[in-house]
Amino acid sequence: MAATTHTVTNQPPPLVGHDVFTSDRALAEAVERHLAPEVLTEAREELVVLGRAAGSAQVQEWGARANENPPRLRTHDRYGHRVDEVDFDPAWHRLLGKSVEAGLTDAWGRPGGHVRRAAGFLVMSQVEAGHGCPVSMTHAAVPALRTEPELAEVWEPAATSHVYERALGTVAEKPGVLLGMAMTEKQGGSDVRANTTEARPLAADGEYALTGHKWFCSAPMSDAFLVLAQAPAGLTCFLVPRVLADGSRNAFAIQRLKDKLGNRSNASAEVEFDGTTWARRVGEEGRGLRSIMGMVAATRLDCVLGSAALMRQAVAQALHHCAYRDAFGGPLIEKPLMRNVLADLALESEAATVLAMRLASAQDAAETAGGSEAERERALLRMAVPAAKYWVTKRCTPMVAEALECLGGNGYVEESGMPRLLRESPLNSVWEGSGNVQALDVVRALRTEPAALDALLREVGAARGADHRLDRAIRGLLVELADLEGIEARARRLTERLALVLQGALLVRWAPPEVADAFCAARLGGDGGAAFGTLPHTLDLRALVERARVEA
């Protein structure tokens, strides 16, 4: 066959060699908006370095390899000794090293730490989302550790270190550690109060032996785990290290790894505690849920960030493809209907990013502002985090599926990377409490914490008067909130409205007029359809598309 029959034309080049951070205008603007001037320059320089690495061919290859070569469980060594180790492709360790070195486990107490860390997490999650799990767990464990100051003194410096050390060892000898968690069990799932794992007190104060199982143990190669178990006084939080202080292995049997839909580079396991598993109590006995509340809030925010990252990567790939692909007499990106689709995808991505970064800034303020401002930001997080977790993570899957379709048949092929994004897209809605859990958490805050609703309405109220469609949506929300009769059955509807009104208010305040106008028209004004690509044709769709494009 003549070689000329294999000439390749009308195919886009790979999307490599660009800065993932600065090419995302919504993200870069959010960092500038939410960071104090005295830390902005340093943070921006760090994020540019990370963004260039994430956009490089080498780091993208690491992501592909980590996904294509999933972890393998090794229960025994060649001599028959139980080792319970998980082997990963070297690319996985390189990704973890890059993220840890960039400070993605170091947010607590660092100036502007949560905004800086959130932006970096959003950037690196676009390379390969799976490695974000241990990064997220380690970051989120810090508030729980702080409920037990003696533990925090030992473990927090290692958890927030910028050094990644893959080999297991004692916390005293490692320059940096990763932390996982093991909460859910077969019979309970999200209802952790139904846990049956038992904690038997030992002679030393705060030390226990655990007996039981965990149906989902995230990142089982980590150095230690936060675990919920039933102590004599009730459900309690514990720290379970893999290696004990004397250098011996703790009893931590990994029974099998989960075969998951996506997130394939990351290991999720079922583990058993045999009655000799040593654990250290974290917080008061019987107050396990209170001990992990800060961890839950942090991991839920990371679910929002993770979904925003998947959305951004999906729209970047769709825009890049359509910019280089000719069809029906011209570039796809110039076709009016395709432009509508791309603009709608870009709009959804920006709304998710702006909301996620606002919540990260609230976390910073809750820690450092002091006084009424800190209380107000904590109250905002109480309601806004579960609402954002509910809505943004649910929008991720249809949005990624539409972006895949923009590539046509090429998008359905593994080499495009789009199937990996699609398989990953439902994960953040399922993990850390699925949709019903989040919606009911919003209802619980409405009933028991009036300050949370006040803070959210204050945040939304800052944009009142700027757009009539937003004002009308706010009034509708207030009507909905005035009647809590049968609230549980309509909790999803209410949570969706809360999230949309909050996104609209933030975009009206901070996004370019064409972005805010499009969002208010399509998401709040009823002038958009059920599918993506149904924006009113009178909007400035070209501006939305150009704003979201990546120049490689």
Protein backbone atom coordinates (compact mmCIF):
# COMPACT_ATOMS: atom_id res chain seq x y z
CA MET A 1 0.00 0.00 0.00
CA ALA A 2 1.31 3.45 -0.90
CA ALA A 3 2.66 5.43 2.02
CA THR A 4 0.68 8.47 0.87
CA THR A 5 -2.55 6.78 1.99
CA HIS A 6 -1.34 7.19 5.56
CA THR A 7 -0.65 10.90 5.47
CA VAL A 8 -2.13 12.37 8.64
CA THR A 9 -4.00 15.64 8.25
CA ASN A 10 -6.69 17.56 10.12
CA GLN A 11 -5.67 16.19 13.51
CA PRO A 12 -4.84 18.49 16.47
CA PRO A 13 -1.37 18.39 18.02
CA PRO A 14 -1.09 17.10 21.60
CA LEU A 15 -2.04 19.64 24.25
CA VAL A 16 1.39 19.85 25.88
CA GLY A 17 3.98 22.49 26.63
CA HIS A 18 1.66 24.99 28.30
CA ASP A 19 1.14 26.45 31.77
CA VAL A 20 -1.93 24.80 33.28
CA PHE A 21 -2.20 27.54 35.92
CA THR A 22 -1.92 30.80 33.99
CA SER A 23 -3.87 29.49 31.00
CA ASP A 24 -6.83 29.00 33.35
CA ARG A 25 -7.93 32.61 33.67
CA ALA A 26 -10.67 31.91 36.19
CA LEU A 27 -8.19 30.15 38.48
CA ALA A 28 -5.41 32.71 38.11
CA GLU A 29 -7.84 35.55 38.80
CA ALA A 30 -9.18 33.77 41.88
CA VAL A 31 -5.67 33.44 43.30
CA GLU A 32 -5.06 37.16 42.78
CA ARG A 33 -8.42 38.00 44.30
CA HIS A 34 -8.13 35.91 47.43
CA LEU A 35 -4.45 36.23 48.39
CA ALA A 36 -2.97 39.13 50.32
CA PRO A 37 -0.43 41.20 48.36
CA GLU A 38 2.43 40.17 50.64
CA VAL A 39 2.09 36.49 49.66
CA LEU A 40 0.69 36.83 46.15
CA THR A 41 3.98 37.19 44.27
CA GLU A 42 5.57 34.15 45.89
CA ALA A 43 2.42 32.05 45.48
CA ARG A 44 2.01 33.01 41.84
CA GLU A 45 5.63 32.12 41.08
CA GLU A 46 5.20 28.71 42.74
CA LEU A 47 1.97 28.05 40.86
CA VAL A 48 3.50 29.02 37.53
CA VAL A 49 6.32 26.51 38.09
CA LEU A 50 3.78 23.85 39.01
CA GLY A 51 1.51 24.79 36.11
CA ARG A 52 4.35 24.47 33.60
CA ALA A 53 5.30 21.09 35.02
CA ALA A 54 1.68 19.88 34.86
CA GLY A 55 1.46 20.95 31.23
CA SER A 56 4.74 19.32 30.22
CA ALA A 57 4.88 16.19 28.11
CA GLN A 58 6.91 14.40 30.79
CA VAL A 59 4.49 14.92 33.69
CA GLN A 60 1.50 14.14 31.49
CA GLU A 61 3.23 10.90 30.55
CA TRP A 62 3.57 10.12 34.27
CA GLY A 63 -0.17 10.55 34.63
CA ALA A 64 -0.92 8.23 31.73
CA ARG A 65 1.50 5.58 32.97
CA ALA A 66 0.16 5.67 36.53
CA ASN A 67 -3.34 5.10 35.16
CA GLU A 68 -2.31 2.35 32.74
CA ASN A 69 -0.30 0.44 35.37
CA PRO A 70 -2.57 0.19 38.41
CA PRO A 71 -1.28 -0.80 41.86
CA ARG A 72 -0.81 -4.43 42.84
CA LEU A 73 -1.22 -5.96 46.28
CA ARG A 74 1.62 -8.01 47.75
CA THR A 75 0.35 -9.80 50.86
CA HIS A 76 3.48 -11.93 51.50
CA ASP A 77 7.17 -11.85 50.69
CA ARG A 78 9.01 -14.73 49.02
CA TYR A 79 9.58 -16.44 52.37
CA GLY A 80 5.94 -16.40 53.42
CA HIS A 81 6.10 -13.45 55.80
CA ARG A 82 3.02 -11.22 55.77
CA VAL A 83 4.01 -7.80 54.39
CA ASP A 84 0.74 -6.23 53.15
CA GLU A 85 2.33 -3.80 50.74
CA VAL A 86 1.00 -2.15 47.61
CA ASP A 87 3.34 -1.78 44.63
CA PHE A 88 2.91 1.23 42.33
CA ASP A 89 4.36 2.22 39.00
CA PRO A 90 7.31 4.63 39.41
CA ALA A 91 5.22 7.29 37.68
CA TRP A 92 2.82 7.28 40.63
CA HIS A 93 5.63 8.06 43.04
CA ARG A 94 6.89 10.85 40.78
CA LEU A 95 3.44 12.45 40.77
CA LEU A 96 3.16 12.21 44.54
CA GLY A 97 6.63 13.64 44.92
CA LYS A 98 5.76 16.57 42.69
CA SER A 99 2.57 17.36 44.62
CA VAL A 100 4.11 16.99 48.07
CA GLU A 101 7.11 19.11 47.09
CA ALA A 102 4.67 21.77 45.87
CA GLY A 103 3.13 22.00 49.34
CA LEU A 104 -0.19 20.36 48.55
CA THR A 105 -0.28 18.81 52.02
CA ASP A 106 0.83 22.05 53.67
CA ALA A 107 -2.04 24.51 54.07
CA TRP A 108 -2.82 24.79 57.77
CA GLY A 109 -1.19 27.83 59.36
CA ARG A 110 0.65 28.88 56.20
CA PRO A 111 -0.21 32.44 55.04
CA GLY A 112 -2.90 32.09 52.39
CA GLY A 113 -2.25 28.37 52.66
CA HIS A 114 -5.64 27.07 51.66
CA VAL A 115 -5.96 29.22 48.54
CA ARG A 116 -2.41 28.42 47.45
CA ARG A 117 -2.86 24.75 48.12
CA ALA A 118 -6.32 24.61 46.48
CA ALA A 119 -4.98 26.17 43.28
CA GLY A 120 -2.10 23.71 43.19
CA PHE A 121 -4.42 20.78 43.88
CA LEU A 122 -6.66 21.89 41.01
CA VAL A 123 -3.65 22.09 38.71
CA MET A 124 -2.11 18.72 39.58
CA SER A 125 -5.44 16.89 39.63
CA GLN A 126 -5.67 17.60 35.91
CA VAL A 127 -2.59 15.43 35.33
CA GLU A 128 -3.93 12.34 37.10
CA ALA A 129 -6.73 12.57 39.65
CA GLY A 130 -5.91 9.32 41.45
CA HIS A 131 -2.78 10.57 43.14
CA GLY A 132 -4.82 13.36 44.68
CA CYS A 133 -6.43 10.92 47.13
CA PRO A 134 -3.45 10.46 49.49
CA VAL A 135 -2.59 14.14 49.06
CA SER A 136 -6.12 15.06 50.10
CA MET A 137 -6.25 12.63 53.04
CA THR A 138 -2.92 13.84 54.40
CA HIS A 139 -3.97 17.47 54.15
CA ALA A 140 -7.36 16.80 55.73
CA ALA A 141 -6.01 14.78 58.65
CA VAL A 142 -4.36 17.80 60.28
CA PRO A 143 -7.50 19.19 62.00
CA ALA A 144 -8.24 15.77 63.47
CA LEU A 145 -4.68 15.38 64.75
CA ARG A 146 -4.93 18.76 66.44
CA THR A 147 -7.68 17.47 68.71
CA GLU A 148 -4.88 15.47 70.38
CA PRO A 149 -1.95 17.92 70.83
CA GLU A 150 0.62 15.25 71.71
CA LEU A 151 -0.11 13.42 68.47
CA ALA A 152 -0.14 16.60 66.44
CA GLU A 153 3.28 17.54 67.78
CA VAL A 154 4.73 14.35 66.32
CA TRP A 155 2.67 13.79 63.17
CA GLU A 156 1.73 17.24 61.88
CA PRO A 157 5.28 18.35 60.92
CA ALA A 158 5.77 15.13 58.96
CA ALA A 159 2.33 15.35 57.31
CA THR A 160 2.88 18.96 56.20
CA SER A 161 6.45 18.34 55.07
CA HIS A 162 7.43 19.08 51.46
CA VAL A 163 9.41 15.83 51.28
CA TYR A 164 7.92 12.63 49.88
CA GLU A 165 9.40 9.39 51.25
CA ARG A 166 7.82 6.27 49.76
CA ALA A 167 9.32 3.59 52.05
CA LEU A 168 7.46 2.63 55.20
CA GLY A 169 9.15 3.53 58.48
CA THR A 170 8.52 5.11 61.85
CA VAL A 171 7.33 8.69 61.95
CA ALA A 172 10.49 9.57 63.87
CA GLU A 173 12.77 8.48 61.03
CA LYS A 174 10.80 9.72 58.01
CA PRO A 175 11.15 13.28 56.67
CA GLY A 176 7.55 13.19 55.45
CA VAL A 177 4.51 10.95 55.81
CA LEU A 178 1.19 10.32 54.12
CA LEU A 179 -2.03 9.72 56.03
CA GLY A 180 -5.08 7.79 54.91
CA MET A 181 -8.39 6.97 56.50
CA ALA A 182 -10.55 3.91 57.08
CA MET A 183 -14.06 4.81 58.17
CA THR A 184 -16.75 2.85 56.31
CA GLU A 185 -17.73 -0.77 56.82
CA LYS A 186 -19.77 -3.33 54.87
CA GLN A 187 -22.92 -3.00 56.93
CA GLY A 188 -22.99 0.77 57.34
CA GLY A 189 -21.44 2.64 54.45
CA SER A 190 -21.99 6.34 55.06
CA ASP A 191 -23.75 5.54 58.34
CA VAL A 192 -20.53 5.26 60.33
CA ARG A 193 -22.50 5.04 63.60
CA ALA A 194 -23.27 1.48 62.51
CA ASN A 195 -19.56 0.58 62.64
CA THR A 196 -18.78 -2.64 64.51
CA THR A 197 -14.97 -2.44 64.72
CA GLU A 198 -14.11 -2.69 68.44
CA ALA A 199 -11.44 -0.76 70.36
CA ARG A 200 -10.22 -2.40 73.58
CA PRO A 201 -8.33 -0.10 75.98
CA LEU A 202 -4.76 -1.12 76.81
CA ALA A 203 -2.83 -0.38 79.98
CA ALA A 204 -1.26 2.86 78.72
CA ASP A 205 -3.54 5.88 78.60
CA GLY A 206 -4.90 6.53 75.10
CA GLU A 207 -3.71 3.22 73.65
CA TYR A 208 -6.11 0.59 72.31
CA ALA A 209 -6.20 -2.68 70.36
CA LEU A 210 -8.59 -2.86 67.40
CA THR A 211 -10.64 -5.81 66.12
CA GLY A 212 -12.74 -5.55 62.98
CA HIS A 213 -12.78 -4.69 59.31
CA LYS A 214 -13.00 -1.69 57.02
CA TRP A 215 -14.75 -1.98 53.67
CA PHE A 216 -13.00 1.09 52.22
CA CYS A 217 -9.52 2.07 53.28
CA SER A 218 -8.23 4.95 51.19
CA ALA A 219 -4.58 5.00 50.15
CA PRO A 220 -3.52 1.81 52.01
CA MET A 221 0.19 2.43 51.37
CA SER A 222 0.08 5.45 53.70
CA ASP A 223 2.10 5.68 56.91
CA ALA A 224 -0.91 5.93 59.22
CA PHE A 225 -4.70 5.98 59.11
CA LEU A 226 -7.51 7.69 60.93
CA VAL A 227 -9.98 4.99 61.89
CA LEU A 228 -13.39 5.01 63.58
CA ALA A 229 -14.12 2.22 66.07
CA GLN A 230 -16.45 1.50 68.97
CA ALA A 231 -14.70 2.14 72.30
CA PRO A 232 -16.39 1.55 75.69
CA ALA A 233 -17.83 5.09 75.62
CA GLY A 234 -18.94 4.91 71.97
CA LEU A 235 -17.67 5.75 68.50
CA THR A 236 -14.11 7.09 68.73
CA CYS A 237 -11.40 8.22 66.35
CA PHE A 238 -8.00 6.50 66.36
CA LEU A 239 -4.63 6.84 64.65
CA VAL A 240 -3.34 3.51 63.35
CA PRO A 241 0.30 3.62 62.17
CA ARG A 242 1.65 1.03 59.73
CA VAL A 243 4.99 0.89 61.57
CA LEU A 244 5.17 1.01 65.37
CA ALA A 245 7.68 3.05 67.36
CA ASP A 246 10.00 0.05 67.78
CA GLY A 247 10.18 -0.46 64.01
CA SER A 248 7.89 -3.50 63.87
CA ARG A 249 4.88 -3.71 61.57
CA ASN A 250 1.46 -3.07 63.02
CA ALA A 251 -1.22 -5.72 62.43
CA PHE A 252 -2.83 -4.24 59.32
CA ALA A 253 -3.97 -6.94 56.89
CA ILE A 254 -4.85 -5.74 53.40
CA GLN A 255 -7.28 -8.36 52.17
CA ARG A 256 -7.80 -7.10 48.63
CA LEU A 257 -7.77 -3.99 46.45
CA LYS A 258 -10.99 -2.67 44.95
CA ASP A 259 -11.48 -2.97 41.20
CA LYS A 260 -12.95 0.50 40.58
CA LEU A 261 -14.65 2.20 37.66
CA GLY A 262 -12.05 4.95 37.58
CA ASN A 263 -9.39 6.33 39.92
CA ARG A 264 -7.40 3.31 38.83
CA SER A 265 -3.95 4.65 39.66
CA ASN A 266 -4.96 4.90 43.32
CA ALA A 267 -5.38 1.92 45.62
CA SER A 268 -8.51 1.46 47.71
CA ALA A 269 -8.54 -1.57 49.97
CA GLU A 270 -10.41 -3.77 52.38
CA VAL A 271 -8.44 -4.18 55.61
CA GLU A 272 -8.71 -6.28 58.75
CA PHE A 273 -7.64 -5.58 62.34
CA ASP A 274 -6.98 -8.82 64.21
CA GLY A 275 -7.30 -7.82 67.86
CA THR A 276 -3.64 -6.90 68.21
CA THR A 277 -3.75 -3.86 65.93
CA TRP A 278 -2.31 -0.99 67.98
CA ALA A 279 -4.08 2.36 67.87
CA ARG A 280 -3.79 5.74 69.58
CA ARG A 281 -6.97 7.59 70.51
CA VAL A 282 -7.57 10.91 68.72
CA GLY A 283 -9.81 13.23 70.72
CA GLU A 284 -12.21 12.17 73.45
CA GLU A 285 -13.56 8.66 73.70
CA GLY A 286 -17.10 8.52 72.35
CA ARG A 287 -16.65 11.77 70.37
CA GLY A 288 -15.27 10.28 67.19
CA LEU A 289 -17.54 12.19 64.83
CA ARG A 290 -16.58 15.49 66.43
CA SER A 291 -12.89 14.59 66.09
CA ILE A 292 -13.17 14.06 62.34
CA MET A 293 -15.49 16.97 61.46
CA GLY A 294 -12.61 19.14 60.26
CA MET A 295 -11.28 16.28 58.16
CA VAL A 296 -14.67 15.70 56.57
CA ALA A 297 -15.03 19.37 55.63
CA ALA A 298 -11.54 19.43 54.09
CA THR A 299 -12.03 16.27 52.04
CA ARG A 300 -15.42 17.48 50.81
CA LEU A 301 -13.86 20.71 49.62
CA ASP A 302 -11.22 18.63 47.83
CA CYS A 303 -14.05 16.77 46.08
CA VAL A 304 -15.26 20.13 44.76
CA LEU A 305 -11.73 21.05 43.68
CA GLY A 306 -11.19 17.63 42.10
CA SER A 307 -14.37 17.91 40.06
CA ALA A 308 -13.48 21.46 39.04
CA ALA A 309 -10.12 20.11 37.85
CA LEU A 310 -11.75 17.38 35.76
CA MET A 311 -14.11 19.95 34.25
CA ARG A 312 -11.27 22.29 33.41
CA GLN A 313 -9.18 19.58 31.79
CA ALA A 314 -12.18 18.32 29.82
CA VAL A 315 -13.06 21.76 28.46
CA ALA A 316 -9.40 22.52 27.71
CA GLN A 317 -9.13 19.35 25.62
CA ALA A 318 -12.43 20.03 23.84
CA LEU A 319 -11.45 23.61 22.99
CA HIS A 320 -8.01 22.53 21.81
CA HIS A 321 -9.44 19.85 19.55
CA CYS A 322 -12.06 22.14 18.03
CA ALA A 323 -9.54 24.91 17.42
CA TYR A 324 -7.42 22.63 15.22
CA ARG A 325 -10.09 20.42 13.67
CA ASP A 326 -11.72 21.46 10.39
CA ALA A 327 -15.19 20.21 9.49
CA PHE A 328 -17.85 21.33 7.06
CA GLY A 329 -15.67 24.01 5.55
CA GLY A 330 -13.91 25.56 8.53
CA PRO A 331 -12.57 25.17 12.09
CA LEU A 332 -15.04 23.49 14.40
CA ILE A 333 -14.56 26.19 17.00
CA GLU A 334 -16.05 28.74 14.55
CA LYS A 335 -19.25 26.77 13.95
CA PRO A 336 -22.13 28.52 15.76
CA LEU A 337 -23.60 25.40 17.33
CA MET A 338 -20.23 24.00 18.42
CA ARG A 339 -19.34 27.41 19.81
CA ASN A 340 -22.52 27.27 21.89
CA VAL A 341 -21.52 23.88 23.30
CA LEU A 342 -17.98 24.99 24.08
CA ALA A 343 -19.17 28.23 25.67
CA ASP A 344 -21.61 26.33 27.87
CA LEU A 345 -18.89 23.91 28.98
CA ALA A 346 -16.54 26.80 29.72
CA LEU A 347 -19.26 28.51 31.74
CA GLU A 348 -19.81 25.43 33.90
CA SER A 349 -16.08 25.05 34.46
CA GLU A 350 -15.59 28.66 35.51
CA ALA A 351 -18.55 28.58 37.89
CA ALA A 352 -17.12 25.49 39.60
CA THR A 353 -13.65 27.01 39.90
CA VAL A 354 -14.85 30.35 41.27
CA LEU A 355 -16.98 28.62 43.91
CA ALA A 356 -14.25 26.18 44.97
CA MET A 357 -11.67 28.94 45.35
CA ARG A 358 -14.07 31.12 47.34
CA LEU A 359 -14.50 28.27 49.80
CA ALA A 360 -10.73 27.85 50.06
CA SER A 361 -10.44 31.55 50.89
CA ALA A 362 -13.14 31.12 53.54
CA GLN A 363 -11.03 28.39 55.12
CA ASP A 364 -8.06 30.75 55.28
CA ALA A 365 -10.17 33.51 56.83
CA ALA A 366 -11.75 31.10 59.32
CA GLU A 367 -8.26 30.29 60.60
CA THR A 368 -6.58 33.68 60.54
CA ALA A 369 -9.09 36.54 60.45
CA GLY A 370 -10.25 36.36 64.04
CA GLY A 371 -13.39 37.79 65.61
CA SER A 372 -16.71 38.03 63.81
CA GLU A 373 -15.19 37.63 60.35
CA ALA A 374 -13.69 34.25 61.22
CA GLU A 375 -16.98 33.13 62.78
CA ARG A 376 -18.89 34.24 59.70
CA GLU A 377 -16.55 32.40 57.34
CA ARG A 378 -16.78 29.22 59.43
CA ALA A 379 -20.55 29.50 59.31
CA LEU A 380 -20.46 29.98 55.53
CA LEU A 381 -18.38 26.83 55.13
CA ARG A 382 -20.84 24.85 57.23
CA MET A 383 -23.56 25.21 54.59
CA ALA A 384 -21.69 26.13 51.43
CA VAL A 385 -19.29 23.15 51.44
CA PRO A 386 -21.96 20.41 51.36
CA ALA A 387 -24.02 22.44 48.88
CA ALA A 388 -20.99 22.86 46.59
CA LYS A 389 -19.99 19.23 47.04
CA TYR A 390 -23.49 18.17 46.05
CA TRP A 391 -23.85 20.36 42.98
CA VAL A 392 -20.39 20.67 41.45
CA THR A 393 -19.61 16.96 41.69
CA LYS A 394 -22.96 16.08 40.12
CA ARG A 395 -22.43 18.46 37.21
CA CYS A 396 -19.05 16.92 36.48
CA THR A 397 -20.16 13.72 34.73
CA PRO A 398 -22.56 15.19 32.13
CA MET A 399 -20.12 18.01 31.49
CA VAL A 400 -17.17 15.67 30.87
CA ALA A 401 -19.35 13.43 28.68
CA GLU A 402 -20.29 16.43 26.53
CA ALA A 403 -16.66 17.50 26.25
CA LEU A 404 -15.73 13.98 25.14
CA GLU A 405 -18.37 14.19 22.43
CA CYS A 406 -16.72 17.33 21.07
CA LEU A 407 -13.83 15.11 19.99
CA GLY A 408 -16.22 12.72 18.22
CA GLY A 409 -14.96 9.16 17.86
CA ASN A 410 -11.46 10.29 18.81
CA GLY A 411 -12.76 11.18 22.25
CA TYR A 412 -14.04 7.64 22.77
CA VAL A 413 -10.56 6.23 22.24
CA GLU A 414 -8.40 5.67 25.33
CA GLU A 415 -5.37 7.45 23.86
CA SER A 416 -7.28 10.75 23.87
CA GLY A 417 -7.40 10.72 27.67
CA MET A 418 -11.10 11.58 27.65
CA PRO A 419 -12.35 8.12 28.73
CA ARG A 420 -10.08 8.39 31.79
CA LEU A 421 -11.69 11.73 32.69
CA LEU A 422 -15.17 10.27 32.15
CA ARG A 423 -14.50 7.24 34.36
CA GLU A 424 -13.16 9.54 37.05
CA SER A 425 -16.04 12.01 36.86
CA PRO A 426 -18.61 10.28 39.16
CA LEU A 427 -16.10 9.61 41.92
CA ASN A 428 -16.23 12.88 43.84
CA SER A 429 -20.02 12.71 44.04
CA VAL A 430 -19.83 9.24 45.62
CA TRP A 431 -16.85 9.61 47.98
CA GLU A 432 -16.96 11.57 51.24
CA GLY A 433 -20.75 11.28 51.39
CA SER A 434 -22.94 10.87 48.31
CA GLY A 435 -25.57 13.33 47.11
CA ASN A 436 -28.26 12.52 49.66
CA VAL A 437 -25.77 12.82 52.52
CA GLN A 438 -24.74 16.29 51.35
CA ALA A 439 -28.31 17.48 50.84
CA LEU A 440 -29.35 16.25 54.27
CA ASP A 441 -26.30 17.93 55.77
CA VAL A 442 -27.50 21.23 54.29
CA VAL A 443 -30.93 20.64 55.85
CA ARG A 444 -29.32 19.84 59.20
CA ALA A 445 -27.42 23.12 59.09
CA LEU A 446 -30.63 24.99 58.27
CA ARG A 447 -32.37 23.51 61.28
CA THR A 448 -29.61 23.72 63.86
CA GLU A 449 -27.21 26.48 62.83
CA PRO A 450 -28.96 29.77 61.95
CA ALA A 451 -25.58 31.48 61.56
CA ALA A 452 -24.81 29.24 58.57
CA LEU A 453 -27.83 30.46 56.61
CA ASP A 454 -27.17 34.05 57.67
CA ALA A 455 -23.60 33.81 56.37
CA LEU A 456 -24.70 32.31 53.06
CA LEU A 457 -27.40 34.94 52.53
CA ARG A 458 -24.91 37.65 53.39
CA GLU A 459 -22.52 36.25 50.77
CA VAL A 460 -25.27 36.13 48.15
CA GLY A 461 -26.61 39.52 49.19
CA ALA A 462 -23.33 41.19 48.26
CA ALA A 463 -24.38 40.82 44.60
CA ARG A 464 -28.01 41.93 44.92
CA GLY A 465 -29.11 44.64 42.53
CA ALA A 466 -26.52 43.79 39.88
CA ASP A 467 -28.64 41.38 37.80
CA HIS A 468 -32.43 41.07 37.82
CA ARG A 469 -32.32 37.33 37.19
CA LEU A 470 -30.07 36.79 40.19
CA ASP A 471 -32.34 38.99 42.31
CA ARG A 472 -35.35 36.94 41.26
CA ALA A 473 -33.52 33.69 42.05
CA ILE A 474 -32.60 35.01 45.50
CA ARG A 475 -36.23 35.87 46.19
CA GLY A 476 -37.29 32.40 45.07
CA LEU A 477 -34.69 30.84 47.37
CA LEU A 478 -35.98 32.85 50.32
CA VAL A 479 -39.50 31.64 49.62
CA GLU A 480 -38.21 28.06 49.50
CA LEU A 481 -36.39 28.53 52.80
CA ALA A 482 -39.42 30.03 54.52
CA ASP A 483 -41.25 26.70 54.45
CA LEU A 484 -39.39 23.73 55.90
CA GLU A 485 -42.41 21.44 55.70
CA GLY A 486 -41.43 18.18 54.02
CA ILE A 487 -37.91 19.55 53.66
CA GLU A 488 -36.18 16.15 53.56
CA ALA A 489 -37.99 15.01 50.42
CA ARG A 490 -37.02 18.22 48.61
CA ALA A 491 -33.54 18.55 50.10
CA ARG A 492 -31.85 17.97 46.75
CA ARG A 493 -33.90 20.67 45.04
CA LEU A 494 -33.13 23.16 47.79
CA THR A 495 -29.41 22.32 47.81
CA GLU A 496 -29.22 22.72 44.04
CA ARG A 497 -30.82 26.17 44.27
CA LEU A 498 -28.49 27.22 47.05
CA ALA A 499 -25.46 26.23 45.00
CA LEU A 500 -26.69 27.89 41.80
CA VAL A 501 -27.57 31.15 43.52
CA LEU A 502 -24.20 31.18 45.26
CA GLN A 503 -22.36 30.54 41.99
CA GLY A 504 -24.39 33.24 40.26
CA ALA A 505 -23.66 35.78 42.99
CA LEU A 506 -19.92 35.08 42.87
CA LEU A 507 -19.79 35.37 39.07
CA VAL A 508 -21.80 38.61 39.10
CA ARG A 509 -19.30 40.06 41.55
CA TRP A 510 -16.07 38.82 40.03
CA ALA A 511 -16.36 37.33 36.54
CA PRO A 512 -16.32 39.31 33.27
CA PRO A 513 -19.81 40.63 32.36
CA GLU A 514 -20.25 38.17 29.50
CA VAL A 515 -19.66 35.22 31.86
CA ALA A 516 -22.02 36.50 34.55
CA ASP A 517 -24.65 37.38 31.95
CA ALA A 518 -24.54 33.90 30.43
CA PHE A 519 -24.75 32.19 33.81
CA CYS A 520 -27.67 34.27 35.04
CA ALA A 521 -29.53 33.78 31.75
CA ALA A 522 -29.05 30.03 31.45
CA ARG A 523 -28.76 28.82 35.06
CA LEU A 524 -30.96 31.29 36.93
CA GLY A 525 -33.19 32.95 34.32
CA GLY A 526 -34.60 29.80 32.74
CA ASP A 527 -33.21 30.73 29.33
CA GLY A 528 -31.09 27.62 28.91
CA GLY A 529 -31.96 24.04 28.07
CA ALA A 530 -31.40 20.75 29.86
CA ALA A 531 -28.37 19.79 27.75
CA PHE A 532 -25.12 21.69 27.27
CA GLY A 533 -25.01 23.81 24.13
CA THR A 534 -28.41 25.44 24.67
CA LEU A 535 -27.29 28.94 25.69
CA PRO A 536 -29.26 31.86 24.23
CA HIS A 537 -27.67 32.72 20.88
CA THR A 538 -27.77 36.43 21.74
CA LEU A 539 -25.05 36.02 24.38
CA ASP A 540 -21.40 36.79 23.67
CA LEU A 541 -20.47 33.15 23.16
CA ARG A 542 -17.22 33.91 21.36
CA ALA A 543 -15.92 35.79 24.42
CA LEU A 544 -16.67 32.80 26.67
CA VAL A 545 -14.84 30.45 24.34
CA GLU A 546 -11.79 32.68 23.90
CA ARG A 547 -11.51 33.22 27.65
CA ALA A 548 -11.34 29.47 28.29
CA ARG A 549 -8.90 28.53 25.51
CA VAL A 550 -5.45 27.19 26.21
CA GLU A 551 -2.63 28.54 24.08
CA ALA A 552 -0.14 25.68 23.86
